[in-house]
Amino acid sequence: MAKRIVYFNNKGGVGKTTLVYHTAWMLAELGYKVLVADFDPQTNLTAIFCHKPASKKFF
């Protein structure tokens, strides 16, 4: 069974997007398969993954 990590907080500006990005990046560096779902209407996390060269590890 797959393990899940979920970050949730109603308040904005607490670093959720940054934390998710860096956690996913580090897990991928360690050889884990990583799936990140961006449900935020601002889609900042999607933008980070689409514009970084390291994002190739996640696809």
PDB file of N, CA and C in Angstrom:
ATOM      1  N   MET A   1       0.843  -1.186   0.000  1.00  0.00           N
ATOM      2  CA  MET A   1       0.000   0.000   0.000  1.00  0.00           C
ATOM      3  C   MET A   1       0.885   1.245   0.000  1.00  0.00           C
ATOM      4  N   ALA A   2       0.485   2.237  -0.750  1.00  0.00           N
ATOM      5  CA  ALA A   2       1.238   3.486  -0.835  1.00  0.00           C
ATOM      6  C   ALA A   2       1.101   4.283   0.455  1.00  0.00           C
ATOM      7  N   LYS A   3       2.168   4.960   0.812  1.00  0.00           N
ATOM      8  CA  LYS A   3       2.130   5.842   1.982  1.00  0.00           C
ATOM      9  C   LYS A   3       1.778   7.238   1.507  1.00  0.00           C
ATOM     10  N   ARG A   4       1.115   7.991   2.362  1.00  0.00           N
ATOM     11  CA  ARG A   4       0.681   9.339   2.003  1.00  0.00           C
ATOM     12  C   ARG A   4       1.163  10.335   3.037  1.00  0.00           C
ATOM     13  N   ILE A   5       1.541  11.493   2.554  1.00  0.00           N
ATOM     14  CA  ILE A   5       1.849  12.629   3.414  1.00  0.00           C
ATOM     15  C   ILE A   5       0.928  13.747   2.967  1.00  0.00           C
ATOM     16  N   VAL A   6       0.190  14.319   3.895  1.00  0.00           N
ATOM     17  CA  VAL A   6      -0.757  15.382   3.561  1.00  0.00           C
ATOM     18  C   VAL A   6      -0.428  16.609   4.400  1.00  0.00           C
ATOM     19  N   TYR A   7      -0.339  17.757   3.743  1.00  0.00           N
ATOM     20  CA  TYR A   7      -0.134  19.029   4.433  1.00  0.00           C
ATOM     21  C   TYR A   7      -1.403  19.840   4.270  1.00  0.00           C
ATOM     22  N   PHE A   8      -1.948  20.320   5.386  1.00  0.00           N
ATOM     23  CA  PHE A   8      -3.179  21.107   5.328  1.00  0.00           C
ATOM     24  C   PHE A   8      -3.141  22.189   6.392  1.00  0.00           C
ATOM     25  N   ASN A   9      -3.530  23.374   6.007  1.00  0.00           N
ATOM     26  CA  ASN A   9      -3.694  24.479   6.938  1.00  0.00           C
ATOM     27  C   ASN A   9      -4.575  25.503   6.237  1.00  0.00           C
ATOM     28  N   ASN A  10      -5.581  26.009   6.917  1.00  0.00           N
ATOM     29  CA  ASN A  10      -6.485  26.990   6.309  1.00  0.00           C
ATOM     30  C   ASN A  10      -5.820  28.339   6.095  1.00  0.00           C
ATOM     31  N   LYS A  11      -4.846  28.654   6.914  1.00  0.00           N
ATOM     32  CA  LYS A  11      -4.196  29.953   6.819  1.00  0.00           C
ATOM     33  C   LYS A  11      -3.214  29.972   5.651  1.00  0.00           C
ATOM     34  N   GLY A  12      -3.201  31.060   4.944  1.00  0.00           N
ATOM     35  CA  GLY A  12      -2.252  31.209   3.842  1.00  0.00           C
ATOM     36  C   GLY A  12      -0.915  31.735   4.335  1.00  0.00           C
ATOM     37  N   GLY A  13       0.116  31.507   3.548  1.00  0.00           N
ATOM     38  CA  GLY A  13       1.424  32.071   3.860  1.00  0.00           C
ATOM     39  C   GLY A  13       2.196  31.362   4.950  1.00  0.00           C
ATOM     40  N   VAL A  14       1.876  30.099   5.205  1.00  0.00           N
ATOM     41  CA  VAL A  14       2.582  29.361   6.255  1.00  0.00           C
ATOM     42  C   VAL A  14       3.649  28.427   5.699  1.00  0.00           C
ATOM     43  N   GLY A  15       3.824  28.383   4.394  1.00  0.00           N
ATOM     44  CA  GLY A  15       4.887  27.590   3.783  1.00  0.00           C
ATOM     45  C   GLY A  15       4.486  26.212   3.305  1.00  0.00           C
ATOM     46  N   LYS A  16       3.200  25.973   3.124  1.00  0.00           N
ATOM     47  CA  LYS A  16       2.744  24.643   2.680  1.00  0.00           C
ATOM     48  C   LYS A  16       3.314  24.281   1.313  1.00  0.00           C
ATOM     49  N   THR A  17       3.243  25.180   0.364  1.00  0.00           N
ATOM     50  CA  THR A  17       3.716  24.903  -0.986  1.00  0.00           C
ATOM     51  C   THR A  17       5.213  24.612  -0.986  1.00  0.00           C
ATOM     52  N   THR A  18       5.971  25.419  -0.294  1.00  0.00           N
ATOM     53  CA  THR A  18       7.415  25.222  -0.215  1.00  0.00           C
ATOM     54  C   THR A  18       7.741  23.898   0.458  1.00  0.00           C
ATOM     55  N   LEU A  19       7.054  23.583   1.526  1.00  0.00           N
ATOM     56  CA  LEU A  19       7.286  22.337   2.245  1.00  0.00           C
ATOM     57  C   LEU A  19       6.969  21.121   1.376  1.00  0.00           C
ATOM     58  N   VAL A  20       5.864  21.171   0.644  1.00  0.00           N
ATOM     59  CA  VAL A  20       5.498  20.063  -0.238  1.00  0.00           C
ATOM     60  C   VAL A  20       6.539  19.898  -1.336  1.00  0.00           C
ATOM     61  N   TYR A  21       6.951  20.988  -1.953  1.00  0.00           N
ATOM     62  CA  TYR A  21       7.930  20.918  -3.035  1.00  0.00           C
ATOM     63  C   TYR A  21       9.237  20.283  -2.553  1.00  0.00           C
ATOM     64  N   HIS A  22       9.749  20.767  -1.448  1.00  0.00           N
ATOM     65  CA  HIS A  22      11.038  20.268  -0.962  1.00  0.00           C
ATOM     66  C   HIS A  22      10.949  18.834  -0.433  1.00  0.00           C
ATOM     67  N   THR A  23       9.839  18.482   0.174  1.00  0.00           N
ATOM     68  CA  THR A  23       9.653  17.101   0.623  1.00  0.00           C
ATOM     69  C   THR A  23       9.599  16.156  -0.568  1.00  0.00           C
ATOM     70  N   ALA A  24       8.838  16.524  -1.595  1.00  0.00           N
ATOM     71  CA  ALA A  24       8.729  15.690  -2.794  1.00  0.00           C
ATOM     72  C   ALA A  24      10.074  15.566  -3.497  1.00  0.00           C
ATOM     73  N   TRP A  25      10.786  16.669  -3.595  1.00  0.00           N
ATOM     74  CA  TRP A  25      12.096  16.658  -4.254  1.00  0.00           C
ATOM     75  C   TRP A  25      13.063  15.733  -3.512  1.00  0.00           C
ATOM     76  N   MET A  26      13.097  15.823  -2.188  1.00  0.00           N
ATOM     77  CA  MET A  26      14.025  15.010  -1.419  1.00  0.00           C
ATOM     78  C   MET A  26      13.651  13.527  -1.497  1.00  0.00           C
ATOM     79  N   LEU A  27      12.374  13.207  -1.426  1.00  0.00           N
ATOM     80  CA  LEU A  27      11.957  11.807  -1.544  1.00  0.00           C
ATOM     81  C   LEU A  27      12.321  11.247  -2.918  1.00  0.00           C
ATOM     82  N   ALA A  28      12.166  12.055  -3.959  1.00  0.00           N
ATOM     83  CA  ALA A  28      12.550  11.613  -5.302  1.00  0.00           C
ATOM     84  C   ALA A  28      14.063  11.410  -5.389  1.00  0.00           C
ATOM     85  N   GLU A  29      14.827  12.290  -4.769  1.00  0.00           N
ATOM     86  CA  GLU A  29      16.288  12.134  -4.740  1.00  0.00           C
ATOM     87  C   GLU A  29      16.694  10.837  -4.038  1.00  0.00           C
ATOM     88  N   LEU A  30      15.910  10.432  -3.053  1.00  0.00           N
ATOM     89  CA  LEU A  30      16.188   9.205  -2.315  1.00  0.00           C
ATOM     90  C   LEU A  30      15.700   7.959  -3.042  1.00  0.00           C
ATOM     91  N   GLY A  31      15.068   8.137  -4.200  1.00  0.00           N
ATOM     92  CA  GLY A  31      14.649   7.013  -5.022  1.00  0.00           C
ATOM     93  C   GLY A  31      13.199   6.599  -4.892  1.00  0.00           C
ATOM     94  N   TYR A  32      12.412   7.341  -4.139  1.00  0.00           N
ATOM     95  CA  TYR A  32      10.996   7.029  -4.004  1.00  0.00           C
ATOM     96  C   TYR A  32      10.227   7.546  -5.210  1.00  0.00           C
ATOM     97  N   LYS A  33       9.145   6.867  -5.563  1.00  0.00           N
ATOM     98  CA  LYS A  33       8.223   7.382  -6.570  1.00  0.00           C
ATOM     99  C   LYS A  33       7.321   8.389  -5.865  1.00  0.00           C
ATOM    100  N   VAL A  34       7.178   9.558  -6.472  1.00  0.00           N
ATOM    101  CA  VAL A  34       6.462  10.655  -5.817  1.00  0.00           C
ATOM    102  C   VAL A  34       5.340  11.154  -6.718  1.00  0.00           C
ATOM    103  N   LEU A  35       4.173  11.345  -6.150  1.00  0.00           N
ATOM    104  CA  LEU A  35       3.049  11.965  -6.840  1.00  0.00           C
ATOM    105  C   LEU A  35       2.616  13.162  -6.007  1.00  0.00           C
ATOM    106  N   VAL A  36       2.560  14.324  -6.627  1.00  0.00           N
ATOM    107  CA  VAL A  36       2.140  15.540  -5.935  1.00  0.00           C
ATOM    108  C   VAL A  36       0.872  16.031  -6.607  1.00  0.00           C
ATOM    109  N   ALA A  37      -0.166  16.305  -5.813  1.00  0.00           N
ATOM    110  CA  ALA A  37      -1.434  16.830  -6.327  1.00  0.00           C
ATOM    111  C   ALA A  37      -1.614  18.253  -5.820  1.00  0.00           C
ATOM    112  N   ASP A  38      -1.789  19.186  -6.724  1.00  0.00           N
ATOM    113  CA  ASP A  38      -1.947  20.597  -6.379  1.00  0.00           C
ATOM    114  C   ASP A  38      -3.421  20.973  -6.502  1.00  0.00           C
ATOM    115  N   PHE A  39      -4.094  21.103  -5.382  1.00  0.00           N
ATOM    116  CA  PHE A  39      -5.514  21.462  -5.373  1.00  0.00           C
ATOM    117  C   PHE A  39      -5.745  22.941  -5.068  1.00  0.00           C
ATOM    118  N   ASP A  40      -4.681  23.700  -4.948  1.00  0.00           N
ATOM    119  CA  ASP A  40      -4.784  25.128  -4.678  1.00  0.00           C
ATOM    120  C   ASP A  40      -5.161  25.853  -5.971  1.00  0.00           C
ATOM    121  N   PRO A  41      -6.190  26.703  -5.949  1.00  0.00           N
ATOM    122  CA  PRO A  41      -6.590  27.419  -7.165  1.00  0.00           C
ATOM    123  C   PRO A  41      -5.486  28.309  -7.746  1.00  0.00           C
ATOM    124  N   GLN A  42      -4.517  28.718  -6.930  1.00  0.00           N
ATOM    125  CA  GLN A  42      -3.425  29.555  -7.428  1.00  0.00           C
ATOM    126  C   GLN A  42      -2.397  28.742  -8.223  1.00  0.00           C
ATOM    127  N   THR A  43      -2.398  27.457  -8.078  1.00  0.00           N
ATOM    128  CA  THR A  43      -1.513  26.503  -8.771  1.00  0.00           C
ATOM    129  C   THR A  43      -0.029  26.872  -8.695  1.00  0.00           C
ATOM    130  N   ASN A  44       0.395  27.426  -7.579  1.00  0.00           N
ATOM    131  CA  ASN A  44       1.803  27.777  -7.421  1.00  0.00           C
ATOM    132  C   ASN A  44       2.699  26.543  -7.436  1.00  0.00           C
ATOM    133  N   LEU A  45       2.249  25.457  -6.839  1.00  0.00           N
ATOM    134  CA  LEU A  45       3.048  24.239  -6.806  1.00  0.00           C
ATOM    135  C   LEU A  45       3.230  23.676  -8.217  1.00  0.00           C
ATOM    136  N   THR A  46       2.185  23.676  -8.997  1.00  0.00           N
ATOM    137  CA  THR A  46       2.272  23.215 -10.385  1.00  0.00           C
ATOM    138  C   THR A  46       3.257  24.079 -11.160  1.00  0.00           C
ATOM    139  N   ALA A  47       3.206  25.379 -10.949  1.00  0.00           N
ATOM    140  CA  ALA A  47       4.116  26.285 -11.639  1.00  0.00           C
ATOM    141  C   ALA A  47       5.567  26.005 -11.262  1.00  0.00           C
ATOM    142  N   ILE A  48       5.828  25.720 -10.002  1.00  0.00           N
ATOM    143  CA  ILE A  48       7.197  25.415  -9.567  1.00  0.00           C
ATOM    144  C   ILE A  48       7.707  24.167 -10.282  1.00  0.00           C
ATOM    145  N   PHE A  49       6.919  23.116 -10.315  1.00  0.00           N
ATOM    146  CA  PHE A  49       7.348  21.874 -10.943  1.00  0.00           C
ATOM    147  C   PHE A  49       7.510  22.027 -12.455  1.00  0.00           C
ATOM    148  N   CYS A  50       6.693  22.827 -13.085  1.00  0.00           N
ATOM    149  CA  CYS A  50       6.762  22.975 -14.539  1.00  0.00           C
ATOM    150  C   CYS A  50       7.917  23.850 -14.994  1.00  0.00           C
ATOM    151  N   HIS A  51       8.459  24.671 -14.120  1.00  0.00           N
ATOM    152  CA  HIS A  51       9.504  25.610 -14.520  1.00  0.00           C
ATOM    153  C   HIS A  51      10.878  25.261 -13.979  1.00  0.00           C
ATOM    154  N   LYS A  52      11.002  24.208 -13.223  1.00  0.00           N
ATOM    155  CA  LYS A  52      12.302  23.817 -12.672  1.00  0.00           C
ATOM    156  C   LYS A  52      12.866  22.651 -13.472  1.00  0.00           C
ATOM    157  N   PRO A  53      14.142  22.690 -13.831  1.00  0.00           N
ATOM    158  CA  PRO A  53      14.757  21.560 -14.544  1.00  0.00           C
ATOM    159  C   PRO A  53      14.701  20.253 -13.745  1.00  0.00           C
ATOM    160  N   ALA A  54      14.727  20.335 -12.410  1.00  0.00           N
ATOM    161  CA  ALA A  54      14.693  19.119 -11.590  1.00  0.00           C
ATOM    162  C   ALA A  54      13.348  18.412 -11.673  1.00  0.00           C
ATOM    163  N   SER A  55      12.330  19.079 -12.218  1.00  0.00           N
ATOM    164  CA  SER A  55      10.996  18.484 -12.266  1.00  0.00           C
ATOM    165  C   SER A  55      10.943  17.227 -13.125  1.00  0.00           C
ATOM    166  N   LYS A  56      11.931  16.997 -13.972  1.00  0.00           N
ATOM    167  CA  LYS A  56      11.947  15.800 -14.810  1.00  0.00           C
ATOM    168  C   LYS A  56      11.985  14.533 -13.970  1.00  0.00           C
ATOM    169  N   LYS A  57      12.488  14.617 -12.738  1.00  0.00           N
ATOM    170  CA  LYS A  57      12.540  13.456 -11.868  1.00  0.00           C
ATOM    171  C   LYS A  57      11.132  12.997 -11.472  1.00  0.00           C
ATOM    172  N   PHE A  58      10.172  13.901 -11.506  1.00  0.00           N
ATOM    173  CA  PHE A  58       8.842  13.600 -11.009  1.00  0.00           C
ATOM    174  C   PHE A  58       7.913  13.081 -12.090  1.00  0.00           C
ATOM    175  N   PHE A  59       8.316  13.134 -13.365  1.00  0.00           N
ATOM    176  CA  PHE A  59       7.405  12.738 -14.430  1.00  0.00           C
ATOM    177  C   PHE A  59       7.867  11.486 -15.101  1.00  0.00           C
TER     178      PHE A  59
END
